N, C-alpha and C. Protein backbone atom coordinates (compact mmCIF):
# COMPACT_ATOMS: atom_id res chain seq x y z
N MET A 1 0.85 -1.17 0.00
CA MET A 1 0.00 0.00 0.00
C MET A 1 0.90 1.24 0.00
N ASN A 2 0.64 2.14 -0.90
CA ASN A 2 1.37 3.40 -0.93
C ASN A 2 0.66 4.43 -0.07
N VAL A 3 1.46 5.21 0.63
CA VAL A 3 0.94 6.20 1.57
C VAL A 3 1.54 7.56 1.21
N THR A 4 0.79 8.61 1.46
CA THR A 4 1.26 9.97 1.22
C THR A 4 1.16 10.78 2.52
N ASP A 5 1.72 11.97 2.49
CA ASP A 5 1.57 12.88 3.64
C ASP A 5 0.09 13.10 3.95
N LYS A 6 -0.72 13.24 2.89
CA LYS A 6 -2.14 13.56 3.07
C LYS A 6 -2.94 12.44 3.74
N ASP A 7 -2.59 11.18 3.43
CA ASP A 7 -3.39 10.09 4.00
C ASP A 7 -2.63 9.27 5.06
N PHE A 8 -1.48 9.76 5.51
CA PHE A 8 -0.69 9.04 6.51
C PHE A 8 -1.49 8.77 7.79
N ASN A 9 -2.14 9.80 8.32
CA ASN A 9 -2.90 9.61 9.56
C ASN A 9 -4.03 8.60 9.36
N GLU A 10 -4.73 8.73 8.25
CA GLU A 10 -5.86 7.83 7.97
C GLU A 10 -5.39 6.38 7.83
N LYS A 11 -4.35 6.16 7.02
CA LYS A 11 -3.93 4.80 6.70
C LYS A 11 -3.00 4.18 7.75
N ILE A 12 -2.19 4.99 8.40
CA ILE A 12 -1.19 4.44 9.32
C ILE A 12 -1.58 4.66 10.78
N ILE A 13 -1.76 5.90 11.16
CA ILE A 13 -2.06 6.22 12.56
C ILE A 13 -3.40 5.64 12.99
N ASN A 14 -4.39 5.69 12.12
CA ASN A 14 -5.73 5.20 12.46
C ASN A 14 -5.98 3.76 12.03
N SER A 15 -4.96 3.06 11.59
CA SER A 15 -5.13 1.68 11.13
C SER A 15 -5.54 0.77 12.28
N PRO A 16 -6.54 -0.09 12.03
CA PRO A 16 -6.93 -1.05 13.07
C PRO A 16 -5.87 -2.15 13.25
N LEU A 17 -5.01 -2.32 12.25
CA LEU A 17 -3.94 -3.32 12.31
C LEU A 17 -2.59 -2.64 12.54
N PRO A 18 -1.63 -3.36 13.10
CA PRO A 18 -0.26 -2.82 13.14
C PRO A 18 0.23 -2.59 11.71
N VAL A 19 1.18 -1.68 11.55
CA VAL A 19 1.68 -1.33 10.23
C VAL A 19 3.20 -1.36 10.21
N LEU A 20 3.76 -2.01 9.19
CA LEU A 20 5.18 -1.90 8.88
C LEU A 20 5.26 -0.99 7.67
N ILE A 21 5.94 0.13 7.81
CA ILE A 21 6.07 1.07 6.70
C ILE A 21 7.53 1.26 6.34
N GLU A 22 7.79 1.29 5.04
CA GLU A 22 9.13 1.60 4.54
C GLU A 22 9.10 3.03 4.01
N PHE A 23 9.98 3.85 4.54
CA PHE A 23 10.22 5.17 3.99
C PHE A 23 11.34 4.97 2.97
N TRP A 24 11.07 5.33 1.70
CA TRP A 24 12.00 5.01 0.63
C TRP A 24 12.14 6.17 -0.35
N ALA A 25 13.07 6.02 -1.30
CA ALA A 25 13.26 7.00 -2.37
C ALA A 25 13.59 6.24 -3.65
N SER A 26 13.21 6.82 -4.79
CA SER A 26 13.40 6.14 -6.08
C SER A 26 14.89 5.99 -6.43
N TRP A 27 15.74 6.86 -5.91
CA TRP A 27 17.17 6.81 -6.20
C TRP A 27 17.91 5.85 -5.25
N CYS A 28 17.22 5.28 -4.31
CA CYS A 28 17.82 4.43 -3.27
C CYS A 28 17.87 2.97 -3.73
N VAL A 29 19.05 2.48 -4.05
CA VAL A 29 19.20 1.10 -4.53
C VAL A 29 18.78 0.08 -3.46
N PRO A 30 19.19 0.22 -2.20
CA PRO A 30 18.72 -0.74 -1.19
C PRO A 30 17.19 -0.75 -1.05
N CYS A 31 16.56 0.40 -1.27
CA CYS A 31 15.09 0.45 -1.21
C CYS A 31 14.48 -0.45 -2.27
N LYS A 32 15.02 -0.38 -3.47
CA LYS A 32 14.50 -1.20 -4.57
C LYS A 32 14.69 -2.68 -4.28
N MET A 33 15.81 -3.02 -3.63
CA MET A 33 16.08 -4.42 -3.31
C MET A 33 15.09 -4.96 -2.29
N MET A 34 14.48 -4.10 -1.51
CA MET A 34 13.56 -4.53 -0.45
C MET A 34 12.15 -4.82 -0.95
N ASP A 35 11.83 -4.42 -2.18
CA ASP A 35 10.48 -4.62 -2.71
C ASP A 35 10.04 -6.08 -2.66
N TYR A 36 10.92 -6.98 -3.05
CA TYR A 36 10.59 -8.40 -3.07
C TYR A 36 10.26 -8.89 -1.66
N VAL A 37 11.07 -8.51 -0.69
CA VAL A 37 10.86 -8.92 0.70
C VAL A 37 9.53 -8.38 1.21
N LEU A 38 9.24 -7.11 0.93
CA LEU A 38 7.98 -6.52 1.39
C LEU A 38 6.77 -7.21 0.78
N ASN A 39 6.87 -7.59 -0.49
CA ASN A 39 5.78 -8.31 -1.14
C ASN A 39 5.55 -9.66 -0.47
N GLU A 40 6.63 -10.35 -0.11
CA GLU A 40 6.49 -11.63 0.59
C GLU A 40 5.85 -11.43 1.96
N LEU A 41 6.29 -10.40 2.69
CA LEU A 41 5.74 -10.14 4.01
C LEU A 41 4.26 -9.79 3.93
N GLU A 42 3.90 -9.06 2.89
CA GLU A 42 2.50 -8.69 2.70
C GLU A 42 1.62 -9.94 2.57
N GLU A 43 2.11 -10.94 1.86
CA GLU A 43 1.36 -12.20 1.71
C GLU A 43 1.35 -12.99 3.01
N GLU A 44 2.50 -13.07 3.67
CA GLU A 44 2.62 -13.89 4.88
C GLU A 44 1.81 -13.35 6.06
N PHE A 45 1.71 -12.02 6.15
CA PHE A 45 1.04 -11.41 7.29
C PHE A 45 -0.30 -10.77 6.92
N ASP A 46 -0.86 -11.20 5.79
CA ASP A 46 -2.14 -10.66 5.33
C ASP A 46 -3.21 -10.81 6.42
N GLY A 47 -3.87 -9.72 6.74
CA GLY A 47 -4.91 -9.73 7.76
C GLY A 47 -4.40 -9.51 9.17
N LYS A 48 -3.06 -9.54 9.35
CA LYS A 48 -2.46 -9.35 10.67
C LYS A 48 -1.69 -8.03 10.76
N VAL A 49 -1.03 -7.66 9.66
CA VAL A 49 -0.19 -6.46 9.61
C VAL A 49 -0.34 -5.83 8.23
N LEU A 50 -0.43 -4.51 8.19
CA LEU A 50 -0.41 -3.80 6.91
C LEU A 50 1.04 -3.50 6.55
N ILE A 51 1.37 -3.66 5.29
CA ILE A 51 2.69 -3.32 4.78
C ILE A 51 2.50 -2.09 3.89
N ALA A 52 3.25 -1.03 4.18
CA ALA A 52 3.06 0.23 3.47
C ALA A 52 4.41 0.83 3.06
N LYS A 53 4.34 1.77 2.11
CA LYS A 53 5.53 2.47 1.64
C LYS A 53 5.20 3.96 1.49
N LEU A 54 6.17 4.80 1.82
CA LEU A 54 6.01 6.24 1.64
C LEU A 54 7.26 6.77 0.95
N ASN A 55 7.09 7.40 -0.21
CA ASN A 55 8.20 7.98 -0.97
C ASN A 55 8.58 9.31 -0.32
N ILE A 56 9.81 9.40 0.19
CA ILE A 56 10.22 10.60 0.92
C ILE A 56 10.46 11.81 0.01
N ASP A 57 10.68 11.57 -1.28
CA ASP A 57 10.89 12.69 -2.20
C ASP A 57 9.58 13.37 -2.57
N ARG A 58 8.52 12.62 -2.60
CA ARG A 58 7.21 13.18 -2.95
C ARG A 58 6.41 13.60 -1.72
N ASN A 59 6.85 13.14 -0.57
CA ASN A 59 6.14 13.41 0.69
C ASN A 59 7.17 13.78 1.75
N ARG A 60 7.34 15.06 1.97
CA ARG A 60 8.43 15.51 2.85
C ARG A 60 8.00 15.78 4.29
N LYS A 61 6.73 15.99 4.53
CA LYS A 61 6.28 16.34 5.88
C LYS A 61 6.40 15.18 6.86
N THR A 62 5.97 14.01 6.44
CA THR A 62 5.98 12.86 7.35
C THR A 62 7.41 12.46 7.73
N PRO A 63 8.35 12.36 6.79
CA PRO A 63 9.72 12.04 7.19
C PRO A 63 10.32 13.08 8.16
N GLN A 64 9.99 14.35 7.97
CA GLN A 64 10.45 15.39 8.90
C GLN A 64 9.81 15.20 10.27
N ARG A 65 8.53 14.87 10.28
CA ARG A 65 7.80 14.67 11.53
C ARG A 65 8.44 13.58 12.39
N TYR A 66 8.95 12.53 11.73
CA TYR A 66 9.57 11.42 12.45
C TYR A 66 11.10 11.48 12.43
N GLU A 67 11.63 12.60 11.99
CA GLU A 67 13.07 12.89 12.02
C GLU A 67 13.90 11.77 11.38
N LEU A 68 13.49 11.36 10.18
CA LEU A 68 14.22 10.31 9.48
C LEU A 68 15.59 10.81 9.05
N THR A 69 16.58 9.94 9.18
CA THR A 69 17.95 10.33 8.83
C THR A 69 18.52 9.52 7.68
N GLY A 70 17.78 8.55 7.18
CA GLY A 70 18.27 7.75 6.07
C GLY A 70 17.18 6.89 5.48
N VAL A 71 17.45 6.39 4.27
CA VAL A 71 16.52 5.47 3.63
C VAL A 71 17.29 4.24 3.18
N PRO A 72 16.65 3.10 3.16
CA PRO A 72 15.30 2.91 3.67
C PRO A 72 15.25 2.96 5.19
N THR A 73 14.13 3.41 5.70
CA THR A 73 13.83 3.30 7.13
C THR A 73 12.55 2.49 7.25
N PHE A 74 12.60 1.50 8.12
CA PHE A 74 11.44 0.65 8.37
C PHE A 74 10.91 0.98 9.75
N SER A 75 9.63 1.32 9.82
CA SER A 75 9.01 1.69 11.09
C SER A 75 7.78 0.85 11.33
N ILE A 76 7.56 0.53 12.59
CA ILE A 76 6.37 -0.21 13.01
C ILE A 76 5.48 0.73 13.81
N PHE A 77 4.21 0.78 13.43
CA PHE A 77 3.21 1.56 14.16
C PHE A 77 2.15 0.62 14.68
N LYS A 78 1.71 0.85 15.90
CA LYS A 78 0.61 0.08 16.47
C LYS A 78 -0.22 1.02 17.33
N ASP A 79 -1.53 0.97 17.13
CA ASP A 79 -2.44 1.84 17.87
C ASP A 79 -2.04 3.31 17.76
N GLY A 80 -1.57 3.69 16.57
CA GLY A 80 -1.24 5.08 16.31
C GLY A 80 0.11 5.53 16.84
N LYS A 81 0.87 4.62 17.43
CA LYS A 81 2.16 5.00 18.03
C LYS A 81 3.31 4.32 17.30
N LEU A 82 4.40 5.08 17.14
CA LEU A 82 5.63 4.53 16.59
C LEU A 82 6.25 3.62 17.64
N ILE A 83 6.42 2.35 17.29
CA ILE A 83 6.94 1.35 18.23
C ILE A 83 8.43 1.11 18.03
N ASP A 84 8.86 1.03 16.77
CA ASP A 84 10.25 0.68 16.47
C ASP A 84 10.60 1.19 15.09
N SER A 85 11.88 1.53 14.90
CA SER A 85 12.39 1.94 13.58
C SER A 85 13.79 1.41 13.39
N ARG A 86 14.08 1.07 12.15
CA ARG A 86 15.42 0.62 11.79
C ARG A 86 15.80 1.26 10.46
N ILE A 87 17.03 1.74 10.41
CA ILE A 87 17.52 2.40 9.20
C ILE A 87 18.39 1.42 8.41
N GLY A 88 18.21 1.44 7.10
CA GLY A 88 19.01 0.60 6.22
C GLY A 88 18.26 -0.65 5.81
N ALA A 89 18.77 -1.30 4.77
CA ALA A 89 18.16 -2.53 4.28
C ALA A 89 18.17 -3.56 5.42
N GLN A 90 17.10 -4.30 5.53
CA GLN A 90 16.94 -5.29 6.59
C GLN A 90 16.72 -6.66 5.95
N SER A 91 17.14 -7.68 6.64
CA SER A 91 16.85 -9.03 6.16
C SER A 91 15.38 -9.32 6.42
N LYS A 92 14.86 -10.28 5.70
CA LYS A 92 13.47 -10.69 5.91
C LYS A 92 13.30 -11.15 7.36
N LYS A 93 14.28 -11.87 7.86
CA LYS A 93 14.24 -12.37 9.24
C LYS A 93 14.14 -11.21 10.24
N ASP A 94 14.90 -10.14 10.01
CA ASP A 94 14.86 -8.99 10.92
C ASP A 94 13.50 -8.29 10.88
N LEU A 95 12.93 -8.17 9.70
CA LEU A 95 11.61 -7.54 9.58
C LEU A 95 10.53 -8.41 10.23
N ILE A 96 10.64 -9.72 10.06
CA ILE A 96 9.69 -10.61 10.71
C ILE A 96 9.81 -10.47 12.23
N SER A 97 11.02 -10.35 12.72
CA SER A 97 11.23 -10.16 14.16
C SER A 97 10.55 -8.90 14.65
N MET A 98 10.67 -7.81 13.88
CA MET A 98 10.00 -6.55 14.24
C MET A 98 8.49 -6.76 14.31
N ILE A 99 7.96 -7.45 13.31
CA ILE A 99 6.51 -7.67 13.22
C ILE A 99 6.03 -8.56 14.35
N GLU A 100 6.74 -9.64 14.59
CA GLU A 100 6.29 -10.60 15.60
C GLU A 100 6.24 -10.00 17.01
N LYS A 101 7.09 -9.02 17.27
CA LYS A 101 7.07 -8.36 18.58
C LYS A 101 5.75 -7.63 18.84
N ILE A 102 5.10 -7.18 17.77
CA ILE A 102 3.87 -6.39 17.98
C ILE A 102 2.59 -7.17 17.75
N ILE A 103 2.68 -8.38 17.19
CA ILE A 103 1.44 -9.12 16.96
C ILE A 103 1.23 -10.24 17.96
N LYS A 104 2.16 -10.40 18.87
CA LYS A 104 2.01 -11.45 19.90
C LYS A 104 1.19 -10.94 21.05
């Protein structure tokens, strides 16, 4: 699911499910490499966790709001609150670990 500054609160903060969001940029090679992993996670956690992406070049307010310092950044939100963030490409195992901490 793609997210913008305009619908971030609606889709992420107000989500009934926990959310894993990737803050990414089109020029970011590690971001592109993560697409396959995110697609797999979306299938594996369907109905339990939303997987989302926000392009930081097209949406500058949200990255500033969360003081992002690099891309990709993976953040977990639950009940409208930022729970965890990690900067840089992550292994599928590391992302699953992030997710499992919030769905147990």
